[in-house]
Amino acid sequence: MDRNTNNRNTEIEAISNAIYNLKSENGICNFLLDLLTKSEVETLSKRWRILTMLSEGKTQRDIAQDLKVSLCKVTRGAKILKNNKSVVTKYLIKEKK
């Protein structure tokens, strides 16, 4: 990973490990709802919706309008999907099949 600090990597790895060990969709959902604020859940949900809509072929402008977000937020999602090494991109491609 090329993120800002080793501490951040360690924390993300610890959270990832906790989620992995939950092993149930309900457990993972409840873990995230416990960990994140309402605003964080809304932001994460909207970011995921942007990515899925982009992967479905929706235009950036339509997504921005439909979700009432800035075009910059949608463009960020588009950059993620253009990266063939992105785990998100690989996941969404796999899900479409």
PDB file of N, CA and C in Angstrom:
ATOM      1  N   MET A   1       0.832  -1.187   0.000  1.00  0.00           N
ATOM      2  CA  MET A   1       0.000   0.000   0.000  1.00  0.00           C
ATOM      3  C   MET A   1       0.867   1.237   0.000  1.00  0.00           C
ATOM      4  N   ASP A   2       0.451   2.251  -0.709  1.00  0.00           N
ATOM      5  CA  ASP A   2       1.191   3.495  -0.616  1.00  0.00           C
ATOM      6  C   ASP A   2       0.282   4.565  -0.033  1.00  0.00           C
ATOM      7  N   ARG A   3       0.017   4.439   1.240  1.00  0.00           N
ATOM      8  CA  ARG A   3      -0.803   5.409   1.966  1.00  0.00           C
ATOM      9  C   ARG A   3       0.117   6.309   2.782  1.00  0.00           C
ATOM     10  N   ASN A   4      -0.463   7.240   3.527  1.00  0.00           N
ATOM     11  CA  ASN A   4       0.310   8.274   4.195  1.00  0.00           C
ATOM     12  C   ASN A   4       1.256   7.786   5.283  1.00  0.00           C
ATOM     13  N   THR A   5       0.781   6.934   6.174  1.00  0.00           N
ATOM     14  CA  THR A   5       1.635   6.530   7.288  1.00  0.00           C
ATOM     15  C   THR A   5       1.502   5.046   7.562  1.00  0.00           C
ATOM     16  N   ASN A   6       2.533   4.514   8.229  1.00  0.00           N
ATOM     17  CA  ASN A   6       2.467   3.108   8.631  1.00  0.00           C
ATOM     18  C   ASN A   6       1.380   2.897   9.675  1.00  0.00           C
ATOM     19  N   ASN A   7       1.167   3.883  10.550  1.00  0.00           N
ATOM     20  CA  ASN A   7       0.102   3.763  11.555  1.00  0.00           C
ATOM     21  C   ASN A   7      -1.251   3.597  10.902  1.00  0.00           C
ATOM     22  N   ARG A   8      -1.508   4.373   9.866  1.00  0.00           N
ATOM     23  CA  ARG A   8      -2.787   4.261   9.162  1.00  0.00           C
ATOM     24  C   ARG A   8      -2.912   2.872   8.561  1.00  0.00           C
ATOM     25  N   ASN A   9      -1.847   2.370   7.955  1.00  0.00           N
ATOM     26  CA  ASN A   9      -1.879   1.029   7.383  1.00  0.00           C
ATOM     27  C   ASN A   9      -2.166  -0.007   8.450  1.00  0.00           C
ATOM     28  N   THR A  10      -1.531   0.117   9.592  1.00  0.00           N
ATOM     29  CA  THR A  10      -1.738  -0.827  10.684  1.00  0.00           C
ATOM     30  C   THR A  10      -3.180  -0.788  11.160  1.00  0.00           C
ATOM     31  N   GLU A  11      -3.748   0.405  11.272  1.00  0.00           N
ATOM     32  CA  GLU A  11      -5.136   0.529  11.717  1.00  0.00           C
ATOM     33  C   GLU A  11      -6.101  -0.053  10.691  1.00  0.00           C
ATOM     34  N   ILE A  12      -5.882   0.243   9.420  1.00  0.00           N
ATOM     35  CA  ILE A  12      -6.741  -0.307   8.366  1.00  0.00           C
ATOM     36  C   ILE A  12      -6.611  -1.825   8.323  1.00  0.00           C
ATOM     37  N   GLU A  13      -5.393  -2.331   8.489  1.00  0.00           N
ATOM     38  CA  GLU A  13      -5.196  -3.783   8.513  1.00  0.00           C
ATOM     39  C   GLU A  13      -5.922  -4.406   9.697  1.00  0.00           C
ATOM     40  N   ALA A  14      -5.907  -3.760  10.847  1.00  0.00           N
ATOM     41  CA  ALA A  14      -6.597  -4.283  12.028  1.00  0.00           C
ATOM     42  C   ALA A  14      -8.109  -4.298  11.806  1.00  0.00           C
ATOM     43  N   ILE A  15      -8.642  -3.234  11.220  1.00  0.00           N
ATOM     44  CA  ILE A  15     -10.078  -3.178  10.921  1.00  0.00           C
ATOM     45  C   ILE A  15     -10.436  -4.239   9.886  1.00  0.00           C
ATOM     46  N   SER A  16      -9.613  -4.354   8.853  1.00  0.00           N
ATOM     47  CA  SER A  16      -9.853  -5.369   7.815  1.00  0.00           C
ATOM     48  C   SER A  16      -9.864  -6.764   8.417  1.00  0.00           C
ATOM     49  N   ASN A  17      -8.923  -7.023   9.299  1.00  0.00           N
ATOM     50  CA  ASN A  17      -8.833  -8.327   9.943  1.00  0.00           C
ATOM     51  C   ASN A  17     -10.072  -8.595  10.808  1.00  0.00           C
ATOM     52  N   ALA A  18     -10.525  -7.579  11.521  1.00  0.00           N
ATOM     53  CA  ALA A  18     -11.725  -7.734  12.346  1.00  0.00           C
ATOM     54  C   ALA A  18     -12.933  -8.061  11.476  1.00  0.00           C
ATOM     55  N   ILE A  19     -13.080  -7.348  10.366  1.00  0.00           N
ATOM     56  CA  ILE A  19     -14.203  -7.600   9.453  1.00  0.00           C
ATOM     57  C   ILE A  19     -14.102  -9.012   8.871  1.00  0.00           C
ATOM     58  N   TYR A  20     -12.912  -9.390   8.443  1.00  0.00           N
ATOM     59  CA  TYR A  20     -12.705 -10.725   7.877  1.00  0.00           C
ATOM     60  C   TYR A  20     -13.107 -11.811   8.877  1.00  0.00           C
ATOM     61  N   ASN A  21     -12.776 -11.617  10.124  1.00  0.00           N
ATOM     62  CA  ASN A  21     -13.052 -12.630  11.145  1.00  0.00           C
ATOM     63  C   ASN A  21     -14.517 -12.688  11.565  1.00  0.00           C
ATOM     64  N   LEU A  22     -15.312 -11.693  11.192  1.00  0.00           N
ATOM     65  CA  LEU A  22     -16.732 -11.718  11.534  1.00  0.00           C
ATOM     66  C   LEU A  22     -17.480 -12.792  10.744  1.00  0.00           C
ATOM     67  N   LYS A  23     -17.103 -12.995   9.501  1.00  0.00           N
ATOM     68  CA  LYS A  23     -17.564 -14.088   8.655  1.00  0.00           C
ATOM     69  C   LYS A  23     -19.079 -14.129   8.365  1.00  0.00           C
ATOM     70  N   SER A  24     -19.832 -13.139   8.772  1.00  0.00           N
ATOM     71  CA  SER A  24     -21.248 -13.122   8.403  1.00  0.00           C
ATOM     72  C   SER A  24     -21.616 -11.713   7.948  1.00  0.00           C
ATOM     73  N   GLU A  25     -22.508 -11.647   6.980  1.00  0.00           N
ATOM     74  CA  GLU A  25     -22.930 -10.351   6.458  1.00  0.00           C
ATOM     75  C   GLU A  25     -23.554  -9.497   7.556  1.00  0.00           C
ATOM     76  N   ASN A  26     -24.377 -10.114   8.395  1.00  0.00           N
ATOM     77  CA  ASN A  26     -25.021  -9.396   9.487  1.00  0.00           C
ATOM     78  C   ASN A  26     -23.988  -8.862  10.479  1.00  0.00           C
ATOM     79  N   GLY A  27     -23.007  -9.681  10.806  1.00  0.00           N
ATOM     80  CA  GLY A  27     -21.956  -9.262  11.731  1.00  0.00           C
ATOM     81  C   GLY A  27     -21.142  -8.104  11.174  1.00  0.00           C
ATOM     82  N   ILE A  28     -20.806  -8.187   9.889  1.00  0.00           N
ATOM     83  CA  ILE A  28     -20.039  -7.119   9.237  1.00  0.00           C
ATOM     84  C   ILE A  28     -20.851  -5.832   9.212  1.00  0.00           C
ATOM     85  N   CYS A  29     -22.109  -5.926   8.849  1.00  0.00           N
ATOM     86  CA  CYS A  29     -22.991  -4.760   8.800  1.00  0.00           C
ATOM     87  C   CYS A  29     -23.078  -4.098  10.171  1.00  0.00           C
ATOM     88  N   ASN A  30     -23.320  -4.874  11.202  1.00  0.00           N
ATOM     89  CA  ASN A  30     -23.423  -4.329  12.554  1.00  0.00           C
ATOM     90  C   ASN A  30     -22.101  -3.732  13.027  1.00  0.00           C
ATOM     91  N   PHE A  31     -20.989  -4.362  12.677  1.00  0.00           N
ATOM     92  CA  PHE A  31     -19.662  -3.845  13.018  1.00  0.00           C
ATOM     93  C   PHE A  31     -19.483  -2.451  12.417  1.00  0.00           C
ATOM     94  N   LEU A  32     -19.811  -2.309  11.123  1.00  0.00           N
ATOM     95  CA  LEU A  32     -19.659  -1.018  10.453  1.00  0.00           C
ATOM     96  C   LEU A  32     -20.604   0.024  11.048  1.00  0.00           C
ATOM     97  N   LEU A  33     -21.829  -0.370  11.357  1.00  0.00           N
ATOM     98  CA  LEU A  33     -22.783   0.569  11.951  1.00  0.00           C
ATOM     99  C   LEU A  33     -22.341   1.008  13.344  1.00  0.00           C
ATOM    100  N   ASP A  34     -21.693   0.114  14.094  1.00  0.00           N
ATOM    101  CA  ASP A  34     -21.152   0.471  15.406  1.00  0.00           C
ATOM    102  C   ASP A  34     -19.950   1.415  15.269  1.00  0.00           C
ATOM    103  N   LEU A  35     -19.119   1.151  14.314  1.00  0.00           N
ATOM    104  CA  LEU A  35     -17.858   1.872  14.155  1.00  0.00           C
ATOM    105  C   LEU A  35     -18.034   3.257  13.543  1.00  0.00           C
ATOM    106  N   LEU A  36     -18.943   3.374  12.576  1.00  0.00           N
ATOM    107  CA  LEU A  36     -19.086   4.610  11.814  1.00  0.00           C
ATOM    108  C   LEU A  36     -20.230   5.469  12.340  1.00  0.00           C
ATOM    109  N   THR A  37     -20.074   6.787  12.198  1.00  0.00           N
ATOM    110  CA  THR A  37     -21.166   7.698  12.531  1.00  0.00           C
ATOM    111  C   THR A  37     -22.215   7.633  11.422  1.00  0.00           C
ATOM    112  N   LYS A  38     -23.374   8.191  11.686  1.00  0.00           N
ATOM    113  CA  LYS A  38     -24.431   8.229  10.677  1.00  0.00           C
ATOM    114  C   LYS A  38     -23.930   8.940   9.418  1.00  0.00           C
ATOM    115  N   SER A  39     -23.223  10.032   9.593  1.00  0.00           N
ATOM    116  CA  SER A  39     -22.686  10.795   8.465  1.00  0.00           C
ATOM    117  C   SER A  39     -21.672   9.971   7.670  1.00  0.00           C
ATOM    118  N   GLU A  40     -20.815   9.231   8.379  1.00  0.00           N
ATOM    119  CA  GLU A  40     -19.829   8.387   7.704  1.00  0.00           C
ATOM    120  C   GLU A  40     -20.500   7.263   6.920  1.00  0.00           C
ATOM    121  N   VAL A  41     -21.545   6.683   7.480  1.00  0.00           N
ATOM    122  CA  VAL A  41     -22.294   5.639   6.777  1.00  0.00           C
ATOM    123  C   VAL A  41     -22.912   6.218   5.508  1.00  0.00           C
ATOM    124  N   GLU A  42     -23.493   7.408   5.617  1.00  0.00           N
ATOM    125  CA  GLU A  42     -24.101   8.050   4.454  1.00  0.00           C
ATOM    126  C   GLU A  42     -23.056   8.356   3.383  1.00  0.00           C
ATOM    127  N   THR A  43     -21.894   8.847   3.794  1.00  0.00           N
ATOM    128  CA  THR A  43     -20.819   9.160   2.848  1.00  0.00           C
ATOM    129  C   THR A  43     -20.311   7.902   2.170  1.00  0.00           C
ATOM    130  N   LEU A  44     -20.069   6.859   2.946  1.00  0.00           N
ATOM    131  CA  LEU A  44     -19.586   5.604   2.385  1.00  0.00           C
ATOM    132  C   LEU A  44     -20.622   4.987   1.450  1.00  0.00           C
ATOM    133  N   SER A  45     -21.879   5.031   1.847  1.00  0.00           N
ATOM    134  CA  SER A  45     -22.957   4.486   1.017  1.00  0.00           C
ATOM    135  C   SER A  45     -23.063   5.243  -0.296  1.00  0.00           C
ATOM    136  N   LYS A  46     -22.952   6.559  -0.236  1.00  0.00           N
ATOM    137  CA  LYS A  46     -23.043   7.370  -1.451  1.00  0.00           C
ATOM    138  C   LYS A  46     -21.845   7.094  -2.366  1.00  0.00           C
ATOM    139  N   ARG A  47     -20.657   6.965  -1.774  1.00  0.00           N
ATOM    140  CA  ARG A  47     -19.467   6.663  -2.582  1.00  0.00           C
ATOM    141  C   ARG A  47     -19.635   5.322  -3.280  1.00  0.00           C
ATOM    142  N   TRP A  48     -20.171   4.336  -2.564  1.00  0.00           N
ATOM    143  CA  TRP A  48     -20.391   3.013  -3.165  1.00  0.00           C
ATOM    144  C   TRP A  48     -21.427   3.106  -4.279  1.00  0.00           C
ATOM    145  N   ARG A  49     -22.473   3.882  -4.066  1.00  0.00           N
ATOM    146  CA  ARG A  49     -23.511   4.055  -5.099  1.00  0.00           C
ATOM    147  C   ARG A  49     -22.922   4.706  -6.347  1.00  0.00           C
ATOM    148  N   ILE A  50     -22.058   5.695  -6.152  1.00  0.00           N
ATOM    149  CA  ILE A  50     -21.385   6.330  -7.287  1.00  0.00           C
ATOM    150  C   ILE A  50     -20.617   5.294  -8.083  1.00  0.00           C
ATOM    151  N   LEU A  51     -19.847   4.470  -7.401  1.00  0.00           N
ATOM    152  CA  LEU A  51     -19.033   3.448  -8.078  1.00  0.00           C
ATOM    153  C   LEU A  51     -19.898   2.428  -8.808  1.00  0.00           C
ATOM    154  N   THR A  52     -20.976   1.991  -8.192  1.00  0.00           N
ATOM    155  CA  THR A  52     -21.822   0.995  -8.858  1.00  0.00           C
ATOM    156  C   THR A  52     -22.535   1.602 -10.058  1.00  0.00           C
ATOM    157  N   MET A  53     -22.981   2.854  -9.932  1.00  0.00           N
ATOM    158  CA  MET A  53     -23.648   3.499 -11.057  1.00  0.00           C
ATOM    159  C   MET A  53     -22.683   3.708 -12.221  1.00  0.00           C
ATOM    160  N   LEU A  54     -21.449   4.091 -11.911  1.00  0.00           N
ATOM    161  CA  LEU A  54     -20.433   4.228 -12.961  1.00  0.00           C
ATOM    162  C   LEU A  54     -20.186   2.888 -13.647  1.00  0.00           C
ATOM    163  N   SER A  55     -20.097   1.830 -12.845  1.00  0.00           N
ATOM    164  CA  SER A  55     -19.836   0.510 -13.421  1.00  0.00           C
ATOM    165  C   SER A  55     -21.001   0.017 -14.271  1.00  0.00           C
ATOM    166  N   GLU A  56     -22.193   0.568 -14.022  1.00  0.00           N
ATOM    167  CA  GLU A  56     -23.371   0.223 -14.821  1.00  0.00           C
ATOM    168  C   GLU A  56     -23.451   1.052 -16.098  1.00  0.00           C
ATOM    169  N   GLY A  57     -22.510   1.989 -16.264  1.00  0.00           N
ATOM    170  CA  GLY A  57     -22.469   2.783 -17.485  1.00  0.00           C
ATOM    171  C   GLY A  57     -23.193   4.120 -17.420  1.00  0.00           C
ATOM    172  N   LYS A  58     -23.638   4.518 -16.247  1.00  0.00           N
ATOM    173  CA  LYS A  58     -24.297   5.817 -16.112  1.00  0.00           C
ATOM    174  C   LYS A  58     -23.269   6.925 -16.330  1.00  0.00           C
ATOM    175  N   THR A  59     -23.722   8.063 -16.851  1.00  0.00           N
ATOM    176  CA  THR A  59     -22.799   9.172 -17.078  1.00  0.00           C
ATOM    177  C   THR A  59     -22.488   9.874 -15.761  1.00  0.00           C
ATOM    178  N   GLN A  60     -21.316  10.500 -15.725  1.00  0.00           N
ATOM    179  CA  GLN A  60     -20.910  11.215 -14.524  1.00  0.00           C
ATOM    180  C   GLN A  60     -21.893  12.334 -14.184  1.00  0.00           C
ATOM    181  N   ARG A  61     -22.331  13.050 -15.189  1.00  0.00           N
ATOM    182  CA  ARG A  61     -23.270  14.157 -14.953  1.00  0.00           C
ATOM    183  C   ARG A  61     -24.616  13.650 -14.420  1.00  0.00           C
ATOM    184  N   ASP A  62     -25.104  12.552 -14.971  1.00  0.00           N
ATOM    185  CA  ASP A  62     -26.372  11.998 -14.485  1.00  0.00           C
ATOM    186  C   ASP A  62     -26.246  11.533 -13.035  1.00  0.00           C
ATOM    187  N   ILE A  63     -25.127  10.905 -12.712  1.00  0.00           N
ATOM    188  CA  ILE A  63     -24.907  10.431 -11.341  1.00  0.00           C
ATOM    189  C   ILE A  63     -24.861  11.616 -10.380  1.00  0.00           C
ATOM    190  N   ALA A  64     -24.111  12.642 -10.739  1.00  0.00           N
ATOM    191  CA  ALA A  64     -24.009  13.831  -9.891  1.00  0.00           C
ATOM    192  C   ALA A  64     -25.387  14.434  -9.646  1.00  0.00           C
ATOM    193  N   GLN A  65     -26.180  14.493 -10.693  1.00  0.00           N
ATOM    194  CA  GLN A  65     -27.526  15.059 -10.576  1.00  0.00           C
ATOM    195  C   GLN A  65     -28.439  14.149  -9.746  1.00  0.00           C
ATOM    196  N   ASP A  66     -28.424  12.853 -10.042  1.00  0.00           N
ATOM    197  CA  ASP A  66     -29.298  11.910  -9.331  1.00  0.00           C
ATOM    198  C   ASP A  66     -28.983  11.840  -7.841  1.00  0.00           C
ATOM    199  N   LEU A  67     -27.704  11.836  -7.490  1.00  0.00           N
ATOM    200  CA  LEU A  67     -27.293  11.688  -6.091  1.00  0.00           C
ATOM    201  C   LEU A  67     -27.072  13.024  -5.391  1.00  0.00           C
ATOM    202  N   LYS A  68     -27.203  14.110  -6.146  1.00  0.00           N
ATOM    203  CA  LYS A  68     -27.002  15.454  -5.593  1.00  0.00           C
ATOM    204  C   LYS A  68     -25.622  15.601  -4.959  1.00  0.00           C
ATOM    205  N   VAL A  69     -24.608  15.219  -5.756  1.00  0.00           N
ATOM    206  CA  VAL A  69     -23.217  15.359  -5.342  1.00  0.00           C
ATOM    207  C   VAL A  69     -22.475  16.152  -6.408  1.00  0.00           C
ATOM    208  N   SER A  70     -21.299  16.619  -6.042  1.00  0.00           N
ATOM    209  CA  SER A  70     -20.513  17.377  -7.006  1.00  0.00           C
ATOM    210  C   SER A  70     -19.945  16.436  -8.069  1.00  0.00           C
ATOM    211  N   LEU A  71     -19.703  16.992  -9.222  1.00  0.00           N
ATOM    212  CA  LEU A  71     -19.092  16.232 -10.308  1.00  0.00           C
ATOM    213  C   LEU A  71     -17.704  15.747  -9.904  1.00  0.00           C
ATOM    214  N   CYS A  72     -17.023  16.498  -9.033  1.00  0.00           N
ATOM    215  CA  CYS A  72     -15.693  16.102  -8.547  1.00  0.00           C
ATOM    216  C   CYS A  72     -15.742  14.769  -7.803  1.00  0.00           C
ATOM    217  N   LYS A  73     -16.783  14.573  -6.992  1.00  0.00           N
ATOM    218  CA  LYS A  73     -16.928  13.304  -6.257  1.00  0.00           C
ATOM    219  C   LYS A  73     -17.115  12.140  -7.228  1.00  0.00           C
ATOM    220  N   VAL A  74     -17.879  12.371  -8.261  1.00  0.00           N
ATOM    221  CA  VAL A  74     -18.124  11.322  -9.252  1.00  0.00           C
ATOM    222  C   VAL A  74     -16.852  11.052 -10.050  1.00  0.00           C
ATOM    223  N   THR A  75     -16.131  12.101 -10.383  1.00  0.00           N
ATOM    224  CA  THR A  75     -14.869  11.948 -11.123  1.00  0.00           C
ATOM    225  C   THR A  75     -13.868  11.137 -10.314  1.00  0.00           C
ATOM    226  N   ARG A  76     -13.852  11.325  -9.007  1.00  0.00           N
ATOM    227  CA  ARG A  76     -12.964  10.532  -8.139  1.00  0.00           C
ATOM    228  C   ARG A  76     -13.294   9.048  -8.279  1.00  0.00           C
ATOM    229  N   GLY A  77     -14.572   8.735  -8.297  1.00  0.00           N
ATOM    230  CA  GLY A  77     -14.999   7.348  -8.483  1.00  0.00           C
ATOM    231  C   GLY A  77     -14.595   6.816  -9.841  1.00  0.00           C
ATOM    232  N   ALA A  78     -14.714   7.661 -10.859  1.00  0.00           N
ATOM    233  CA  ALA A  78     -14.334   7.244 -12.213  1.00  0.00           C
ATOM    234  C   ALA A  78     -12.843   6.927 -12.282  1.00  0.00           C
ATOM    235  N   LYS A  79     -12.039   7.687 -11.565  1.00  0.00           N
ATOM    236  CA  LYS A  79     -10.591   7.426 -11.544  1.00  0.00           C
ATOM    237  C   LYS A  79     -10.291   6.074 -10.901  1.00  0.00           C
ATOM    238  N   ILE A  80     -11.036   5.751  -9.864  1.00  0.00           N
ATOM    239  CA  ILE A  80     -10.857   4.441  -9.214  1.00  0.00           C
ATOM    240  C   ILE A  80     -11.158   3.327 -10.207  1.00  0.00           C
ATOM    241  N   LEU A  81     -12.263   3.463 -10.938  1.00  0.00           N
ATOM    242  CA  LEU A  81     -12.671   2.410 -11.873  1.00  0.00           C
ATOM    243  C   LEU A  81     -11.764   2.302 -13.094  1.00  0.00           C
ATOM    244  N   LYS A  82     -11.052   3.353 -13.423  1.00  0.00           N
ATOM    245  CA  LYS A  82     -10.114   3.302 -14.550  1.00  0.00           C
ATOM    246  C   LYS A  82      -8.836   2.554 -14.190  1.00  0.00           C
ATOM    247  N   ASN A  83      -8.593   2.376 -12.900  1.00  0.00           N
ATOM    248  CA  ASN A  83      -7.401   1.678 -12.430  1.00  0.00           C
ATOM    249  C   ASN A  83      -7.678   0.172 -12.429  1.00  0.00           C
ATOM    250  N   ASN A  84      -7.099  -0.533 -13.384  1.00  0.00           N
ATOM    251  CA  ASN A  84      -7.333  -1.980 -13.501  1.00  0.00           C
ATOM    252  C   ASN A  84      -6.793  -2.773 -12.319  1.00  0.00           C
ATOM    253  N   LYS A  85      -5.905  -2.155 -11.529  1.00  0.00           N
ATOM    254  CA  LYS A  85      -5.359  -2.841 -10.358  1.00  0.00           C
ATOM    255  C   LYS A  85      -6.202  -2.605  -9.110  1.00  0.00           C
ATOM    256  N   SER A  86      -7.188  -1.732  -9.209  1.00  0.00           N
ATOM    257  CA  SER A  86      -8.038  -1.411  -8.068  1.00  0.00           C
ATOM    258  C   SER A  86      -8.873  -2.622  -7.657  1.00  0.00           C
ATOM    259  N   VAL A  87      -8.885  -2.910  -6.374  1.00  0.00           N
ATOM    260  CA  VAL A  87      -9.688  -4.011  -5.850  1.00  0.00           C
ATOM    261  C   VAL A  87     -11.167  -3.743  -6.093  1.00  0.00           C
ATOM    262  N   VAL A  88     -11.574  -2.489  -5.957  1.00  0.00           N
ATOM    263  CA  VAL A  88     -12.971  -2.117  -6.196  1.00  0.00           C
ATOM    264  C   VAL A  88     -13.349  -2.419  -7.646  1.00  0.00           C
ATOM    265  N   THR A  89     -12.480  -2.035  -8.566  1.00  0.00           N
ATOM    266  CA  THR A  89     -12.744  -2.282  -9.986  1.00  0.00           C
ATOM    267  C   THR A  89     -12.873  -3.774 -10.248  1.00  0.00           C
ATOM    268  N   LYS A  90     -11.957  -4.548  -9.726  1.00  0.00           N
ATOM    269  CA  LYS A  90     -11.994  -6.006  -9.924  1.00  0.00           C
ATOM    270  C   LYS A  90     -13.275  -6.592  -9.333  1.00  0.00           C
ATOM    271  N   TYR A  91     -13.676  -6.120  -8.167  1.00  0.00           N
ATOM    272  CA  TYR A  91     -14.890  -6.616  -7.522  1.00  0.00           C
ATOM    273  C   TYR A  91     -16.123  -6.297  -8.369  1.00  0.00           C
ATOM    274  N   LEU A  92     -16.235  -5.065  -8.805  1.00  0.00           N
ATOM    275  CA  LEU A  92     -17.427  -4.668  -9.568  1.00  0.00           C
ATOM    276  C   LEU A  92     -17.493  -5.377 -10.925  1.00  0.00           C
ATOM    277  N   ILE A  93     -16.351  -5.613 -11.549  1.00  0.00           N
ATOM    278  CA  ILE A  93     -16.324  -6.368 -12.812  1.00  0.00           C
ATOM    279  C   ILE A  93     -16.798  -7.798 -12.555  1.00  0.00           C
ATOM    280  N   LYS A  94     -16.312  -8.389 -11.493  1.00  0.00           N
ATOM    281  CA  LYS A  94     -16.694  -9.765 -11.119  1.00  0.00           C
ATOM    282  C   LYS A  94     -18.192  -9.843 -10.830  1.00  0.00           C
ATOM    283  N   GLU A  95     -18.731  -8.838 -10.144  1.00  0.00           N
ATOM    284  CA  GLU A  95     -20.146  -8.830  -9.792  1.00  0.00           C
ATOM    285  C   GLU A  95     -21.053  -8.716 -11.008  1.00  0.00           C
ATOM    286  N   LYS A  96     -20.574  -8.062 -12.070  1.00  0.00           N
ATOM    287  CA  LYS A  96     -21.387  -7.896 -13.279  1.00  0.00           C
ATOM    288  C   LYS A  96     -21.537  -9.205 -14.034  1.00  0.00           C
ATOM    289  N   LYS A  97     -20.632 -10.129 -13.830  1.00  0.00           N
ATOM    290  CA  LYS A  97     -20.672 -11.403 -14.563  1.00  0.00           C
ATOM    291  C   LYS A  97     -21.712 -12.324 -14.033  1.00  0.00           C
TER     292      LYS A  97
END
